[in-house]
């Protein structure tokens, strides 16, 4: 289900719609007689051009929230709406209202905790292939892939296979791949954990640029409180519930 070109949810014009909306999202995992509630009635509106940090202790449901927002996991209940497109709506009795894979390829960039690079492709090919499956011409895809790798400081390793790269270099290639199709929604799960302070700052500044200059909606899971200056909003996930902190000083160190 998609909204028309001029009107969306609650009669809002498409350009006024949030980049991401989570409505009463709950996610439960069942093992035998045990039910674990990872997300409990989560609501979030993230505007286009907004960059948000997602903090919280281990096991708080941060990765689960990203997986659902990124259409990699269906919620137990609630709705997920991206740019006016309803991806999941439990009230309608349907889980997926789109071809999730095609939608993800074209609209969502995801950076995981591990790089997950294709081992038999070079760094530039790992980035290039993300565009080619979206029908970008190989020459154009390769040129843009090289630019992204250059921007992230690994352009000189473009011809190396993942096994020839350090963990930090692999992660920067993964970030370039996530940015390849200029996604409207960018989700990153601890993307700087394997990077030194300088590279981590560069990556966070790039996420901020993607939001502010290109109008993407960005959520980054991080434990690095020094990086909070790069975010417009600070979200806290704890015990399955989502809250917001108005200032970095409100976040416990």
Protein backbone atom coordinates (compact mmCIF):
# COMPACT_ATOMS: atom_id res chain seq x y z
CA UNK A 1 0.00 0.00 0.00
CA UNK A 2 1.32 3.42 -0.92
CA UNK A 3 -0.14 6.85 -0.60
CA UNK A 4 -0.76 8.98 -3.66
CA UNK A 5 1.75 11.55 -4.93
CA UNK A 6 0.14 14.49 -3.19
CA UNK A 7 -1.43 13.08 -0.04
CA UNK A 8 -0.37 10.65 2.65
CA UNK A 9 -1.23 9.67 6.19
CA UNK A 10 -3.71 11.95 7.96
CA UNK A 11 -4.03 14.03 4.80
CA UNK A 12 -0.42 15.22 4.91
CA UNK A 13 1.25 16.07 1.64
CA UNK A 14 3.99 13.62 0.72
CA UNK A 15 6.79 16.17 1.18
CA UNK A 16 5.53 16.77 4.74
CA UNK A 17 5.55 13.09 5.72
CA UNK A 18 8.23 11.84 8.13
CA UNK A 19 10.99 9.81 6.55
CA UNK A 20 10.27 7.05 9.07
CA UNK A 21 7.24 6.45 11.28
CA UNK A 22 6.88 3.66 13.81
CA UNK A 23 3.38 3.33 15.21
CA UNK A 24 2.75 1.25 18.35
CA UNK A 25 5.45 -1.20 17.33
CA UNK A 26 5.83 -4.25 19.55
CA UNK A 27 8.16 -7.18 18.98
CA UNK A 28 8.00 -10.37 21.01
CA UNK A 29 10.17 -13.45 20.78
CA UNK A 30 8.71 -16.75 21.96
CA UNK A 31 10.76 -19.72 23.13
CA UNK A 32 8.66 -22.50 24.59
CA UNK A 33 6.62 -20.97 27.38
CA UNK A 34 8.83 -17.89 27.58
CA UNK A 35 7.87 -14.62 25.89
CA UNK A 36 10.48 -11.87 25.65
CA UNK A 37 9.26 -8.39 24.69
CA UNK A 38 12.11 -6.67 22.88
CA UNK A 39 10.03 -3.64 21.82
CA UNK A 40 7.00 -2.46 23.76
CA UNK A 41 4.60 -0.06 22.03
CA UNK A 42 7.33 2.04 20.38
CA UNK A 43 6.35 5.24 18.56
CA UNK A 44 8.73 7.38 16.53
CA UNK A 45 8.57 10.03 13.81
CA UNK A 46 11.91 10.81 12.19
CA UNK A 47 11.85 13.72 9.77
CA UNK A 48 13.60 13.79 6.43
CA UNK A 49 17.00 15.38 6.92
CA UNK A 50 17.15 14.38 10.59
CA UNK A 51 20.04 12.46 12.16
CA UNK A 52 19.30 10.57 15.38
CA UNK A 53 21.54 8.66 17.78
CA UNK A 54 20.06 5.56 19.42
CA UNK A 55 21.57 4.68 22.80
CA UNK A 56 20.83 2.13 25.47
CA UNK A 57 22.29 -0.84 27.34
CA UNK A 58 22.97 -4.19 25.71
CA UNK A 59 19.80 -6.20 25.24
CA UNK A 60 17.59 -3.10 25.29
CA UNK A 61 16.17 -3.76 21.81
CA UNK A 62 18.22 -1.28 19.76
CA UNK A 63 19.21 -3.74 17.04
CA UNK A 64 15.67 -5.11 16.92
CA UNK A 65 14.33 -1.61 16.36
CA UNK A 66 16.77 -1.09 13.46
CA UNK A 67 15.91 -4.47 11.93
CA UNK A 68 12.20 -3.64 11.96
CA UNK A 69 12.71 -0.08 10.69
CA UNK A 70 14.90 -1.51 7.93
CA UNK A 71 12.30 -4.11 6.88
CA UNK A 72 14.54 -7.01 7.83
CA UNK A 73 12.14 -8.19 10.54
CA UNK A 74 8.36 -7.97 10.92
CA UNK A 75 6.92 -6.50 14.12
CA UNK A 76 4.56 -8.56 16.22
CA UNK A 77 2.20 -5.59 16.22
CA UNK A 78 2.19 -2.03 14.92
CA UNK A 79 2.98 -0.21 11.71
CA UNK A 80 6.16 0.81 9.86
CA UNK A 81 5.86 3.65 7.33
CA UNK A 82 8.77 4.91 5.22
CA UNK A 83 8.31 8.03 3.08
CA UNK A 84 4.55 7.46 3.12
CA UNK A 85 4.88 3.80 2.12
CA UNK A 86 3.28 1.37 4.57
CA UNK A 87 5.65 -1.56 4.91
CA UNK A 88 3.96 -3.35 7.79
CA UNK A 89 0.54 -2.85 9.32
CA UNK A 90 -0.67 -5.42 11.82
CA UNK A 91 -4.05 -3.66 12.14
CA UNK A 92 -4.70 -4.50 8.49
CA UNK A 93 -3.94 -8.13 9.15
CA UNK A 94 -0.92 -8.03 6.83
CA UNK A 95 2.77 -8.25 7.55
CA UNK A 96 4.41 -6.98 4.36
CA UNK A 97 2.57 -4.68 1.99
CA UNK A 98 5.55 -4.34 -0.38
CA UNK A 99 8.17 -6.45 -2.03
CA UNK A 100 10.52 -5.85 0.90
CA UNK A 101 13.70 -6.81 -0.93
CA UNK A 102 13.14 -4.41 -3.81
CA UNK A 103 12.10 -1.62 -1.46
CA UNK A 104 15.18 -2.11 0.73
CA UNK A 105 17.51 -2.06 -2.27
CA UNK A 106 16.17 1.24 -3.52
CA UNK A 107 15.35 3.15 -0.34
CA UNK A 108 17.24 1.79 2.69
CA UNK A 109 20.93 1.69 3.54
CA UNK A 110 22.04 -0.55 6.41
CA UNK A 111 25.41 -0.73 8.15
CA UNK A 112 25.70 -3.77 10.42
CA UNK A 113 28.04 -4.34 13.35
CA UNK A 114 30.06 -6.62 11.07
CA UNK A 115 30.96 -5.62 7.54
CA UNK A 116 29.45 -8.67 5.78
CA UNK A 117 31.40 -7.98 2.59
CA UNK A 118 31.26 -10.48 -0.29
CA UNK A 119 34.61 -12.28 0.15
CA UNK A 120 35.39 -12.87 -3.54
CA UNK A 121 34.73 -9.26 -4.63
CA UNK A 122 37.17 -6.39 -4.24
CA UNK A 123 36.32 -3.36 -2.12
CA UNK A 124 35.17 -1.31 -5.10
CA UNK A 125 33.18 -4.25 -6.47
CA UNK A 126 31.41 -4.69 -3.12
CA UNK A 127 30.17 -1.11 -3.39
CA UNK A 128 29.60 -1.23 -7.14
CA UNK A 129 27.36 -4.32 -7.03
CA UNK A 130 24.89 -2.56 -4.73
CA UNK A 131 24.19 -0.07 -7.52
CA UNK A 132 24.26 -2.54 -10.40
CA UNK A 133 21.41 -4.58 -8.93
CA UNK A 134 19.43 -1.34 -9.09
CA UNK A 135 20.18 -1.10 -12.83
CA UNK A 136 22.93 1.54 -12.60
CA UNK A 137 25.35 1.24 -15.53
CA UNK A 138 28.57 -0.57 -14.50
CA UNK A 139 30.82 2.34 -15.51
CA UNK A 140 28.72 4.83 -13.53
CA UNK A 141 28.49 2.46 -10.56
CA UNK A 142 32.24 1.93 -10.49
CA UNK A 143 32.96 5.64 -10.66
CA UNK A 144 30.60 6.43 -7.78
CA UNK A 145 31.94 3.48 -5.76
CA UNK A 146 35.47 4.83 -6.10
CA UNK A 147 34.36 8.32 -5.00
CA UNK A 148 32.67 6.88 -1.90
CA UNK A 149 35.75 4.84 -1.00
CA UNK A 150 37.93 7.93 -1.47
CA UNK A 151 35.63 9.95 0.80
CA UNK A 152 35.98 7.29 3.49
CA UNK A 153 39.75 7.08 3.24
CA UNK A 154 40.02 3.62 1.65
CA UNK A 155 40.19 4.60 -2.01
CA UNK A 156 43.73 3.24 -2.23
CA UNK A 157 42.43 -0.20 -1.19
CA UNK A 158 39.72 -0.35 -3.87
CA UNK A 159 41.30 -3.34 -5.59
CA UNK A 160 41.80 -5.40 -2.42
CA UNK A 161 39.69 -8.34 -1.34
CA UNK A 162 38.07 -8.17 2.12
CA UNK A 163 40.64 -10.60 3.59
CA UNK A 164 43.34 -8.11 2.62
CA UNK A 165 41.70 -5.30 4.60
CA UNK A 166 41.79 -4.55 8.30
CA UNK A 167 38.55 -4.69 10.30
CA UNK A 168 38.28 -0.92 10.24
CA UNK A 169 38.86 -0.77 6.49
CA UNK A 170 36.22 -3.43 5.90
CA UNK A 171 33.73 -1.42 7.93
CA UNK A 172 34.41 1.72 5.91
CA UNK A 173 33.77 -0.24 2.72
CA UNK A 174 30.49 -1.42 4.26
CA UNK A 175 29.53 2.20 4.98
CA UNK A 176 30.30 3.12 1.36
CA UNK A 177 28.09 0.25 0.19
CA UNK A 178 25.22 1.43 2.38
CA UNK A 179 25.47 4.91 0.87
CA UNK A 180 25.79 3.70 -2.72
CA UNK A 181 22.15 4.12 -3.74
CA UNK A 182 21.67 7.41 -1.85
CA UNK A 183 19.05 5.86 0.48
CA UNK A 184 16.22 7.91 1.92
CA UNK A 185 16.59 5.95 5.19
CA UNK A 186 20.03 5.08 6.57
CA UNK A 187 20.37 2.76 9.56
CA UNK A 188 23.69 1.97 11.24
CA UNK A 189 24.33 -0.44 14.10
CA UNK A 190 27.56 0.51 15.93
CA UNK A 191 29.27 1.49 12.65
CA UNK A 192 32.38 2.97 14.28
CA UNK A 193 33.14 0.24 16.82
CA UNK A 194 36.16 -0.98 14.80
CA UNK A 195 37.45 2.48 13.87
CA UNK A 196 39.99 4.76 15.50
CA UNK A 197 38.83 8.11 16.85
CA UNK A 198 39.68 10.09 13.71
CA UNK A 199 38.00 7.67 11.31
CA UNK A 200 35.00 7.32 13.61
CA UNK A 201 34.54 11.09 13.60
CA UNK A 202 34.75 11.17 9.80
CA UNK A 203 32.07 8.49 9.51
CA UNK A 204 29.75 10.30 11.93
CA UNK A 205 30.26 13.56 10.04
CA UNK A 206 29.38 11.73 6.83
CA UNK A 207 26.14 10.44 8.35
CA UNK A 208 25.32 13.98 9.41
CA UNK A 209 26.03 15.19 5.87
CA UNK A 210 23.79 12.49 4.37
CA UNK A 211 20.95 13.71 6.57
CA UNK A 212 21.39 17.47 6.36
CA UNK A 213 22.56 17.86 2.76
CA UNK A 214 20.76 15.00 1.04
CA UNK A 215 17.59 14.88 3.12
CA UNK A 216 17.88 11.29 4.33
CA UNK A 217 16.53 10.08 7.65
CA UNK A 218 19.38 8.58 9.68
CA UNK A 219 19.49 6.47 12.85
CA UNK A 220 22.83 5.40 14.31
CA UNK A 221 23.20 3.03 17.26
CA UNK A 222 26.27 4.14 19.19
CA UNK A 223 27.89 3.92 22.61
CA UNK A 224 30.33 6.72 21.81
CA UNK A 225 29.08 9.72 23.76
CA UNK A 226 31.75 11.90 22.16
CA UNK A 227 29.88 11.55 18.87
CA UNK A 228 26.59 12.98 20.12
CA UNK A 229 27.44 16.45 18.81
CA UNK A 230 26.76 15.14 15.31
CA UNK A 231 23.13 14.27 16.01
CA UNK A 232 19.92 16.28 15.96
CA UNK A 233 18.16 13.93 18.36
CA UNK A 234 19.20 11.49 21.07
CA UNK A 235 16.93 8.48 21.48
CA UNK A 236 17.17 6.08 24.41
CA UNK A 237 16.04 2.46 24.27
CA UNK A 238 15.63 0.66 27.58
CA UNK A 239 13.46 -2.26 28.71
CA UNK A 240 11.80 -2.31 25.30
CA UNK A 241 10.64 1.30 25.47
CA UNK A 242 11.84 4.32 23.51
CA UNK A 243 12.34 7.76 25.03
CA UNK A 244 14.13 10.94 24.04
CA UNK A 245 16.77 13.16 25.62
CA UNK A 246 16.77 16.81 24.62
CA UNK A 247 20.44 17.44 25.44
CA UNK A 248 23.60 15.30 25.42
CA UNK A 249 24.14 16.24 29.08
CA UNK A 250 21.01 14.27 29.96
CA UNK A 251 22.66 11.04 28.81
CA UNK A 252 24.32 9.19 31.63
CA UNK A 253 27.98 8.45 31.03
